[in-house]
Protein backbone atom coordinates (compact mmCIF):
# COMPACT_ATOMS: atom_id res chain seq x y z
CA MET A 1 62.27 262.63 426.60
CA TYR A 2 61.01 259.28 427.94
CA LYS A 3 58.08 259.09 430.28
CA ASN A 4 59.32 255.88 431.91
CA PRO A 5 62.34 256.30 434.23
CA HIS A 6 63.38 252.71 433.44
CA SER A 7 64.31 253.87 429.90
CA ASN A 8 67.53 255.46 431.08
CA ASN A 9 68.57 252.09 432.48
CA LEU A 10 67.94 250.53 429.06
CA LEU A 11 70.62 252.73 427.53
CA LEU A 12 73.01 251.83 430.35
CA ASN A 13 72.31 248.13 429.73
CA LEU A 14 73.23 248.67 426.08
CA GLY A 15 76.39 250.55 427.00
CA ILE A 16 75.13 253.76 425.37
CA ASP A 17 75.40 257.22 426.92
CA SER A 18 72.95 259.00 424.63
CA LEU A 19 70.95 258.62 421.42
CA ASN A 20 72.06 260.09 418.11
CA GLU A 21 69.96 262.70 416.31
CA MET A 22 68.14 260.17 414.16
CA GLN A 23 67.23 258.01 417.15
CA GLU A 24 65.98 261.01 419.16
CA THR A 25 63.84 262.26 416.26
CA ALA A 26 62.48 258.82 415.37
CA SER A 27 61.66 257.91 418.97
CA ALA A 28 59.68 261.11 419.45
CA ALA A 29 57.80 260.70 416.15
CA ILE A 30 56.93 257.06 416.83
CA LEU A 31 55.54 257.96 420.26
CA ASN A 32 53.44 260.83 418.87
CA ASP A 33 52.38 259.85 415.32
CA SER A 34 50.34 256.92 414.08
CA ASN A 35 52.24 256.34 410.78
CA VAL A 36 56.02 256.78 410.56
CA LEU A 37 58.40 256.07 407.68
CA LEU A 38 62.01 256.01 408.94
CA LEU A 39 64.74 256.18 406.28
CA SER A 40 68.29 255.94 407.56
CA PRO A 41 71.54 254.35 406.33
CA THR A 42 72.74 250.89 407.32
CA GLY A 43 74.58 250.99 410.64
CA SER A 44 72.98 254.18 411.93
CA GLY A 45 71.09 252.52 414.81
CA LYS A 46 67.54 252.16 413.41
CA THR A 47 66.74 249.11 415.55
CA LEU A 48 67.11 251.01 418.80
CA ALA A 49 65.28 253.99 417.26
CA PHE A 50 62.05 251.97 417.15
CA LEU A 51 62.59 249.56 420.07
CA LEU A 52 62.86 252.29 422.70
CA PRO A 53 59.48 253.91 421.92
CA ILE A 54 57.92 250.43 421.57
CA PHE A 55 59.00 249.75 425.15
CA GLU A 56 57.30 253.01 426.21
CA MET A 57 54.04 251.98 424.52
CA LEU A 58 53.74 248.47 425.98
CA ASN A 59 51.03 247.92 428.57
CA GLU A 60 52.16 246.03 431.68
CA ASP A 61 48.57 245.03 432.47
CA ILE A 62 48.39 242.79 429.37
CA ASN A 63 51.93 241.41 429.54
CA THR A 64 50.67 237.93 428.56
CA ARG A 65 49.53 239.01 425.07
CA VAL A 66 51.39 239.95 421.91
CA GLN A 67 51.23 243.76 421.74
CA CYS A 68 53.81 244.53 419.04
CA LEU A 69 54.58 242.61 415.84
CA ILE A 70 57.84 243.25 413.96
CA LEU A 71 58.06 241.76 410.46
CA VAL A 72 61.53 241.24 408.97
CA PRO A 73 62.77 239.88 405.62
CA SER A 74 65.38 237.51 407.09
CA ARG A 75 65.90 235.37 410.16
CA GLU A 76 69.26 237.05 410.78
CA LEU A 77 67.66 240.48 411.12
CA GLY A 78 64.99 239.02 413.40
CA LEU A 79 67.62 237.43 415.66
CA GLN A 80 69.58 240.68 415.73
CA ILE A 81 66.51 242.68 416.87
CA GLU A 82 65.78 240.02 419.49
CA GLN A 83 69.34 240.37 420.84
CA VAL A 84 69.05 244.16 421.12
CA TRP A 85 65.73 243.82 422.98
CA LYS A 86 67.23 241.29 425.39
CA LYS A 87 70.28 243.50 426.02
CA MET A 88 67.91 246.38 426.86
CA GLY A 89 66.87 244.37 429.92
CA THR A 90 63.12 245.06 429.87
CA ASN A 91 60.66 242.97 431.84
CA TYR A 92 58.83 242.08 428.63
CA LYS A 93 59.22 238.75 426.86
CA VAL A 94 60.35 238.60 423.22
CA ASN A 95 60.25 235.74 420.71
CA VAL A 96 61.44 235.41 417.14
CA CYS A 97 59.88 233.06 414.56
CA TYR A 98 61.32 232.17 411.16
CA GLY A 99 61.44 229.47 408.53
CA GLY A 100 63.94 226.72 409.26
CA HIS A 101 63.38 227.06 413.02
CA SER A 102 61.48 224.26 414.81
CA ILE A 103 57.74 225.07 414.52
CA GLU A 104 57.11 222.92 417.62
CA THR A 105 59.57 225.02 419.67
CA GLU A 106 57.90 228.20 418.43
CA ILE A 107 54.40 226.95 419.26
CA LYS A 108 55.60 226.04 422.76
CA ASN A 109 57.19 229.51 423.17
CA LEU A 110 54.00 231.22 421.97
CA SER A 111 51.83 229.28 424.44
CA ASN A 112 53.19 231.86 426.89
CA PRO A 113 52.91 234.82 424.47
CA PRO A 114 55.62 237.49 424.27
CA ALA A 115 54.78 241.20 424.39
CA VAL A 116 57.03 241.66 421.35
CA LEU A 117 56.92 239.11 418.52
CA ILE A 118 59.45 239.27 415.69
CA GLY A 119 59.22 237.13 412.59
CA THR A 120 59.55 236.56 408.88
CA PRO A 121 56.31 237.00 406.91
CA GLY A 122 55.92 233.36 405.87
CA ARG A 123 56.34 231.94 409.38
CA ILE A 124 54.15 234.59 411.07
CA MET A 125 51.43 233.94 408.46
CA ASP A 126 51.69 230.21 409.30
CA HIS A 127 51.26 230.89 413.03
CA ILE A 128 48.27 233.19 412.45
CA ASP A 129 46.73 230.50 410.21
CA ARG A 130 47.22 227.92 412.97
CA GLY A 131 45.86 230.29 415.63
CA THR A 132 49.07 229.87 417.65
CA PHE A 133 48.76 233.36 419.10
CA LYS A 134 45.99 235.95 419.30
CA THR A 135 46.23 239.17 417.29
CA ASP A 136 43.54 241.12 419.14
CA TYR A 137 45.99 242.97 421.41
CA ILE A 138 48.51 243.93 418.73
CA GLU A 139 48.45 247.72 418.48
CA THR A 140 51.93 248.34 417.01
CA LEU A 141 53.23 246.99 413.70
CA VAL A 142 56.82 247.45 412.49
CA LEU A 143 57.91 246.52 408.96
CA ASP A 144 61.70 246.58 409.23
CA GLU A 145 63.70 246.69 405.97
CA PHE A 146 60.30 246.54 404.30
CA ASP A 147 61.86 247.31 400.91
CA LYS A 148 63.82 244.04 401.18
CA SER A 149 60.61 242.16 402.05
CA LEU A 150 58.99 243.61 398.94
CA GLN A 151 62.03 242.73 396.85
CA LEU A 152 61.90 239.14 398.12
CA GLY A 153 58.22 238.87 397.13
CA PHE A 154 56.53 238.72 400.54
CA HIS A 155 53.54 240.81 399.35
CA GLU A 156 50.96 238.06 399.78
CA GLN A 157 52.13 237.04 403.24
CA MET A 158 52.35 240.62 404.52
CA SER A 159 48.95 241.47 403.08
CA PHE A 160 47.43 238.42 404.81
CA ILE A 161 49.05 239.26 408.16
CA ILE A 162 48.10 242.94 408.11
CA SER A 163 44.49 242.08 407.20
CA ARG A 164 44.27 240.08 410.48
CA LEU A 165 45.60 242.92 412.65
CA THR A 166 42.36 244.73 413.38
CA LYS A 167 43.52 246.69 416.45
CA VAL A 168 46.74 248.22 415.07
CA ASN A 169 46.90 251.99 415.60
CA LYS A 170 50.65 252.50 415.15
CA ARG A 171 52.50 251.57 411.95
CA ILE A 172 56.26 252.01 411.55
CA LEU A 173 58.06 251.38 408.25
CA VAL A 174 61.87 251.22 408.35
CA SER A 175 64.30 251.18 405.42
CA ALA A 176 67.83 252.10 404.41
CA THR A 177 66.59 252.86 400.87
CA ALA A 178 64.61 255.93 399.83
CA GLY A 179 62.03 256.18 397.05
CA ILE A 180 60.19 252.90 397.78
CA GLU A 181 56.48 252.88 396.91
CA ILE A 182 54.43 251.91 399.96
CA PRO A 183 51.85 249.20 399.10
CA LYS A 184 48.22 249.96 399.97
CA TYR A 185 47.82 246.80 402.04
CA THR A 186 50.19 248.24 404.68
CA ARG A 187 47.44 250.79 405.45
CA VAL A 188 50.12 253.42 405.96
CA VAL A 189 48.57 256.70 404.86
CA ASN A 190 50.41 260.04 404.81
CA PRO A 191 53.18 258.89 407.12
CA THR A 192 55.51 261.19 408.98
CA VAL A 193 58.64 260.79 406.84
CA LEU A 194 61.97 260.92 408.65
CA ASP A 195 64.63 260.94 405.95
CA PHE A 196 68.18 260.65 407.28
CA ILE A 197 69.68 259.27 404.07
CA PRO A 198 72.34 261.68 402.74
CA ASN A 199 71.42 263.32 399.43
CA ASN A 200 73.86 261.66 397.05
CA GLU A 201 76.68 262.84 399.25
CA ALA A 202 79.77 260.69 399.08
CA ASN A 203 80.69 259.10 402.38
CA VAL A 204 83.72 261.19 403.34
CA ASN A 205 85.03 258.36 405.52
CA LEU A 206 84.87 255.80 402.69
CA ASP A 207 87.90 255.39 400.44
CA MET A 208 87.31 253.70 397.05
CA LYS A 209 90.05 251.81 395.24
CA MET A 210 90.15 249.67 392.12
CA VAL A 211 92.19 246.54 391.55
CA VAL A 212 92.53 245.69 387.85
CA SER A 213 92.59 241.96 387.18
CA LYS A 214 94.66 240.82 384.21
CA GLU A 215 92.68 237.58 384.07
CA LYS A 216 88.95 237.21 383.50
CA ASP A 217 88.83 234.84 386.49
CA LYS A 218 89.64 237.35 389.22
CA ILE A 219 90.52 234.89 391.99
CA ASN A 220 94.28 235.55 391.84
CA SER A 221 93.71 239.31 392.08
CA LEU A 222 91.47 238.71 395.10
CA PHE A 223 94.16 236.54 396.70
CA ASN A 224 96.79 239.27 396.18
CA LEU A 225 94.42 241.94 397.53
CA ILE A 226 93.71 239.95 400.70
CA CYS A 227 97.47 239.41 401.15
CA SER A 228 97.91 243.19 401.03
CA LEU A 229 95.45 243.90 403.87
CA LYS A 230 97.93 243.30 406.73
CA SER A 231 95.91 240.35 408.12
CA GLU A 232 92.82 242.55 408.66
CA ALA A 233 89.38 240.98 408.14
CA ALA A 234 87.20 241.68 405.10
CA ILE A 235 83.82 240.94 403.56
CA ILE A 236 83.94 239.88 399.90
CA PHE A 237 80.72 240.36 397.93
CA CYS A 238 79.82 238.41 394.81
CA ASN A 239 76.59 238.04 392.84
CA HIS A 240 75.95 234.29 392.92
CA ARG A 241 75.78 231.54 395.53
CA ASP A 242 77.99 229.10 393.62
CA ALA A 243 80.61 231.84 393.16
CA ALA A 244 80.68 232.45 396.93
CA GLU A 245 81.34 228.75 397.55
CA ARG A 246 83.95 228.45 394.78
CA ILE A 247 85.85 231.55 395.92
CA SER A 248 85.82 230.41 399.56
CA ASP A 249 87.08 226.93 398.68
CA THR A 250 89.84 228.31 396.43
CA LEU A 251 91.03 230.79 399.08
CA ASN A 252 91.16 228.01 401.68
CA GLU A 253 93.23 225.89 399.30
CA LYS A 254 95.64 228.84 399.04
CA GLY A 255 95.98 229.05 402.83
CA ILE A 256 93.47 231.82 403.64
CA TYR A 257 90.90 231.22 406.40
CA ALA A 258 87.62 232.01 404.63
CA THR A 259 84.00 230.93 404.87
CA TYR A 260 80.95 231.61 402.73
CA TYR A 261 77.39 232.73 403.41
CA HIS A 262 74.29 232.78 401.19
CA GLY A 263 70.55 232.14 401.20
CA GLY A 264 70.80 228.58 399.89
CA MET A 265 72.52 227.27 403.02
CA ASP A 266 70.89 225.41 405.89
CA GLN A 267 70.06 227.60 408.86
CA ASP A 268 72.68 226.00 411.14
CA GLU A 269 75.37 226.38 408.46
CA ARG A 270 74.52 230.05 408.00
CA GLU A 271 74.65 230.65 411.75
CA ARG A 272 77.95 228.80 412.08
CA ALA A 273 79.53 230.81 409.25
CA LEU A 274 78.48 234.11 410.85
CA ILE A 275 79.63 233.02 414.30
CA GLN A 276 83.06 232.04 412.97
CA PHE A 277 83.32 235.35 411.15
CA ARG A 278 82.14 237.38 414.16
CA ASN A 279 84.58 235.76 416.57
CA GLY A 280 87.56 236.13 414.23
CA SER A 281 88.26 232.43 413.62
CA MET A 282 87.28 232.93 409.95
CA PRO A 283 88.39 236.49 409.07
CA TYR A 284 87.18 236.48 405.44
CA LEU A 285 83.48 236.14 404.62
CA ILE A 286 82.53 235.55 400.98
CA THR A 287 78.87 236.34 400.56
CA THR A 288 76.02 237.42 398.33
CA ASP A 289 73.99 240.59 398.93
CA LEU A 290 72.23 238.70 401.74
CA ALA A 291 74.96 240.05 404.06
CA ALA A 292 74.75 243.62 402.77
CA ARG A 293 72.42 244.64 405.59
CA GLY A 294 70.49 243.43 408.61
CA LEU A 295 73.24 241.20 410.00
CA ASP A 296 74.92 241.40 413.37
CA ILE A 297 78.52 241.47 412.22
CA PRO A 298 81.33 243.72 413.38
CA GLU A 299 82.39 246.99 411.79
CA MET A 300 84.72 246.22 408.87
CA LYS A 301 87.71 248.16 407.60
CA HIS A 302 87.55 246.46 404.20
CA VAL A 303 84.70 245.64 401.80
CA ILE A 304 85.64 243.94 398.53
CA HIS A 305 83.38 243.83 395.45
CA TYR A 306 84.42 240.69 393.56
CA HIS A 307 81.36 241.32 391.38
CA LEU A 308 79.50 244.60 391.16
CA PRO A 309 75.74 244.55 391.79
CA SER A 310 73.41 245.73 389.03
CA LYS A 311 71.75 248.35 391.24
CA GLU A 312 73.35 251.32 392.95
CA ASP A 313 71.39 250.91 396.19
CA GLU A 314 72.82 247.40 396.68
CA PHE A 315 76.31 248.82 396.09
CA THR A 316 75.57 251.43 398.77
CA HIS A 317 74.27 248.80 401.22
CA ARG A 318 77.38 246.67 400.71
CA ASN A 319 79.62 249.66 401.38
CA GLY A 320 77.54 250.37 404.49
CA ARG A 321 79.42 247.49 406.14
CA THR A 322 82.43 249.82 406.47
CA ALA A 323 83.06 253.49 407.31
CA ARG A 324 80.07 253.52 409.66
CA MET A 325 79.45 256.33 412.11
CA LEU A 326 82.83 258.10 412.43
CA ALA A 327 85.05 255.18 411.40
CA THR A 328 87.02 255.08 408.16
CA GLY A 329 87.01 252.20 405.71
CA THR A 330 87.88 251.16 402.18
CA ALA A 331 85.78 249.61 399.42
CA TYR A 332 87.74 247.76 396.73
CA ILE A 333 86.41 246.98 393.25
CA ILE A 334 88.10 244.11 391.42
CA ALA A 335 87.57 244.78 387.70
CA HIS A 336 88.41 243.11 384.41
CA GLU A 337 88.37 244.99 381.11
CA SER A 338 85.69 242.68 379.67
CA GLU A 339 83.13 243.54 382.35
CA LYS A 340 80.16 245.79 381.75
CA LYS A 341 80.72 249.30 383.11
CA MET A 342 78.20 250.34 385.76
CA GLU A 343 76.66 253.79 385.35
CA TYR A 344 76.62 254.46 389.09
CA LEU A 345 80.40 254.03 389.43
CA ASP A 346 83.09 256.64 388.85
CA TYR A 347 85.89 254.63 387.23
CA SER A 348 88.45 257.39 387.73
CA MET A 349 89.14 256.20 391.27
CA LYS A 350 92.63 255.32 392.49
CA VAL A 351 94.04 252.06 391.07
CA LEU A 352 95.78 249.80 393.58
CA ASN A 353 98.52 247.45 392.35
CA VAL A 354 98.63 244.30 394.48
CA ASP A 355 100.47 242.00 392.05
CA ASN A 356 103.47 241.64 394.36
CA SER A 357 101.44 240.95 397.52
CA THR A 358 101.79 237.24 398.24
CA THR A 359 102.46 237.05 402.00
CA LEU A 360 99.59 235.12 403.56
CA PRO A 361 97.58 236.77 406.37
CA LYS A 362 98.49 235.54 409.86
CA PRO A 363 96.44 232.53 411.00
CA PRO A 364 93.48 233.56 413.18
CA GLU A 365 94.23 234.06 416.86
CA PHE A 366 91.08 232.13 417.82
CA GLN A 367 89.40 228.87 416.91
CA THR A 368 85.69 228.14 417.36
CA ILE A 369 84.73 225.42 419.83
CA TYR A 370 81.35 223.67 419.46
CA ILE A 371 79.32 222.64 422.54
CA SER A 372 76.32 220.30 422.18
CA GLY A 373 74.11 222.22 424.62
CA GLY A 374 72.41 225.60 424.83
CA LYS A 375 69.70 227.66 426.52
CA LYS A 376 67.17 224.83 426.45
CA ASN A 377 69.73 222.64 428.27
CA LYS A 378 69.98 225.36 430.96
CA LEU A 379 73.46 226.45 429.81
CA ASN A 380 74.54 230.10 429.73
CA LYS A 381 77.74 232.05 429.03
CA ILE A 382 78.74 232.11 432.70
CA ASP A 383 78.53 228.30 432.86
CA ILE A 384 80.80 227.95 429.83
CA VAL A 385 83.32 230.53 431.08
CA GLY A 386 83.45 228.84 434.49
CA PHE A 387 83.84 225.33 433.05
CA PHE A 388 86.54 226.32 430.56
CA SER A 389 88.41 228.32 433.22
CA GLN A 390 88.24 225.82 436.10
CA LYS A 391 88.33 222.46 434.34
CA GLY A 392 89.98 223.61 431.11
CA LYS A 393 92.59 225.82 432.82
CA LEU A 394 91.95 228.75 430.49
CA GLU A 395 92.88 232.25 431.58
CA LYS A 396 90.75 235.33 431.00
CA GLY A 397 92.41 236.38 427.73
CA ASP A 398 92.15 232.85 426.27
CA LEU A 399 88.40 233.12 425.71
CA GLY A 400 86.79 235.27 423.05
CA LEU A 401 83.19 235.64 421.92
CA ILE A 402 80.72 233.09 423.33
CA GLU A 403 77.33 232.57 421.66
CA VAL A 404 74.63 230.40 423.23
CA LYS A 405 71.81 229.17 420.98
CA ASP A 406 68.77 227.05 421.90
CA PHE A 407 70.45 223.64 421.76
CA ILE A 408 74.09 224.37 420.85
CA SER A 409 76.77 226.90 421.80
CA PHE A 410 80.01 228.22 420.33
CA ALA A 411 83.04 229.68 422.09
CA ALA A 412 86.13 231.33 420.59
CA VAL A 413 89.30 229.98 422.21
CA LYS A 414 92.92 231.04 421.59
CA SER A 415 94.22 228.65 418.93
CA LYS A 416 97.33 227.72 420.92
CA LYS A 417 95.18 226.67 423.92
CA VAL A 418 92.62 224.50 422.07
CA LYS A 419 94.46 221.16 422.23
CA ASP A 420 95.19 221.41 425.97
CA LEU A 421 91.62 222.57 426.68
CA LEU A 422 90.02 219.61 424.88
CA ASN A 423 92.36 217.16 426.64
CA ALA A 424 91.64 218.70 430.06
CA ILE A 425 87.83 218.56 429.76
CA ARG A 426 87.50 215.28 427.85
CA ASP A 427 85.99 213.38 430.79
CA GLU A 428 84.53 216.32 432.70
CA LYS A 429 80.88 217.26 433.17
CA MET A 430 79.39 220.75 432.95
CA LYS A 431 76.45 221.35 435.33
CA GLY A 432 76.37 217.61 435.99
CA LYS A 433 76.04 216.62 432.34
CA LYS A 434 78.49 215.39 429.71
CA PHE A 435 78.38 217.53 426.55
CA LYS A 436 80.11 216.92 423.24
CA ILE A 437 82.80 219.61 422.98
CA GLU A 438 85.04 219.81 419.89
CA VAL A 439 86.50 222.16 417.29
CA ALA A 440 83.57 223.47 415.22
CA ARG A 441 83.69 222.19 411.68
CA LYS A 442 84.16 224.61 408.83
CA VAL A 443 81.33 225.29 406.42
CA ILE A 444 82.46 223.50 403.28
CA LYS A 445 80.87 223.10 399.87
CA LYS A 446 78.75 219.96 399.55
CA GLU A 447 79.79 217.73 396.68
CA GLU A 448 77.17 217.34 393.98
C-alpha cells in the first residue's frame, strides 16, 4: 500500500512482518483524508499506525524544517513515540521536548530542526513563544491521546499552538477512549472516524478475580496476593501518589522488590523507576493512573487494582496493560466491605483466597547498574556491552536490557555477577574516559 519502497524496510527494522487491520486502515485514511479520528484500545499499535503514513508524507527537499508536530500529554508517551521512530530507521531527524528536560539542550537540538517534533503542550508552546523553531513548514498535526491532554487541562496551550500552525492541512486525533467531544480550536471538522474500540465486549482473554480484604487497610491482602503470583511481575494501581509511595515502602520492608511511579516525582526518578521495572530488577510497580496508558512497559500477566478508579474508562485503560493482542492476563480487585461499590463492575466475579500465600517471590534475576555517561558523551549500547564483556568479564547471558539516555545510562546485569563486575572495572576506562559505574539506587520516599 505504500508508495515508498523504503517503507517495507521500516517494518523489518521494527521486527514486524505485517500491519494489523487497524494499522492498515488508519495508514490508508491518514494518507488520503485531511481529518482523521483514530479510536483504538491501548496496546493495539496506534503509534505505528500514524508514524508510517507520516513518513510517507515527509518532503526530503525540506528536511531541515519541522514538517510534523505530534502533541502528547506526557513526556513518557513522547519518548515512546521517539523510540518507535528511531527504530523505524528513517533518514529523518526526530526530537522530543517536554517539561523537566533541559530547555538549553532542546534549543540546541532545534537549531538543527527535526522533520518530526514531538512534545508536551506546555513545552512546545514555550518554544513557539521563544521562536526556537519555525512553524511555517508544519503541514501535519497529531494530537495523540488527546482526551488525556484535555483531561489534564492543556486546552489553553493546545489552542495557542494550533493557532500558530497556519500551513497545517492534515490533522490526526488519536485516543483509546470513545465519545470525547472534539474542541473547536483543533479545527478538526467532520473527521474520518476509525473506531476500533470493541462495543462493550468483554475482553475474552482477560480473567477478573476478586480478593476480599478482611482489614480496611488492604496492604496485607496485597502482600498475600503478590506471594501467590509465582514470582511473576505485576502492576499495582492505586488512586493517590502518597498511597503509591506508602505501599511500595511497606512491600519493600516485607521483602518484596517494588518501586513506585507517579506524576509528582522528578523526571529522573520517574525514568529510573520505569527502567528498573522494564528490566526486571524491580518486578512490582505501584502507580497511579499515570501508568495506565502511553508508557513503554512490557506486556503484563497481572494487573492489580488496590483502589478502583471512579470512571470506567480508567478501569479499562488499567486493564489494557494485560491481555493485549492474543495474550491472556488477569486483573485482580482487592476489595473491603466498607468500600463504595462501583456501578461499572460486576461483583459476581470469582473470589480468590490468598490468605495462606506467604512465600516471598524469588529475588530478581537482574540488578540495574548506573553509568554516568550517555549519548551526549558519545556512548552507545555497543560500547557498554563491549566494556562489560571485555573488562568486566561478563558473558552474553549476564547482560539484560540496556538503556542509554542523554547523559546517563542503565544496564541490567545478572545479580550474581554484579560484585565481580564492579571490582573488575573499578579502575578501567570506557572509550578513554573514566565513568562512575555503580548499582543504581532505588527510588525511595523522601522524608518530610
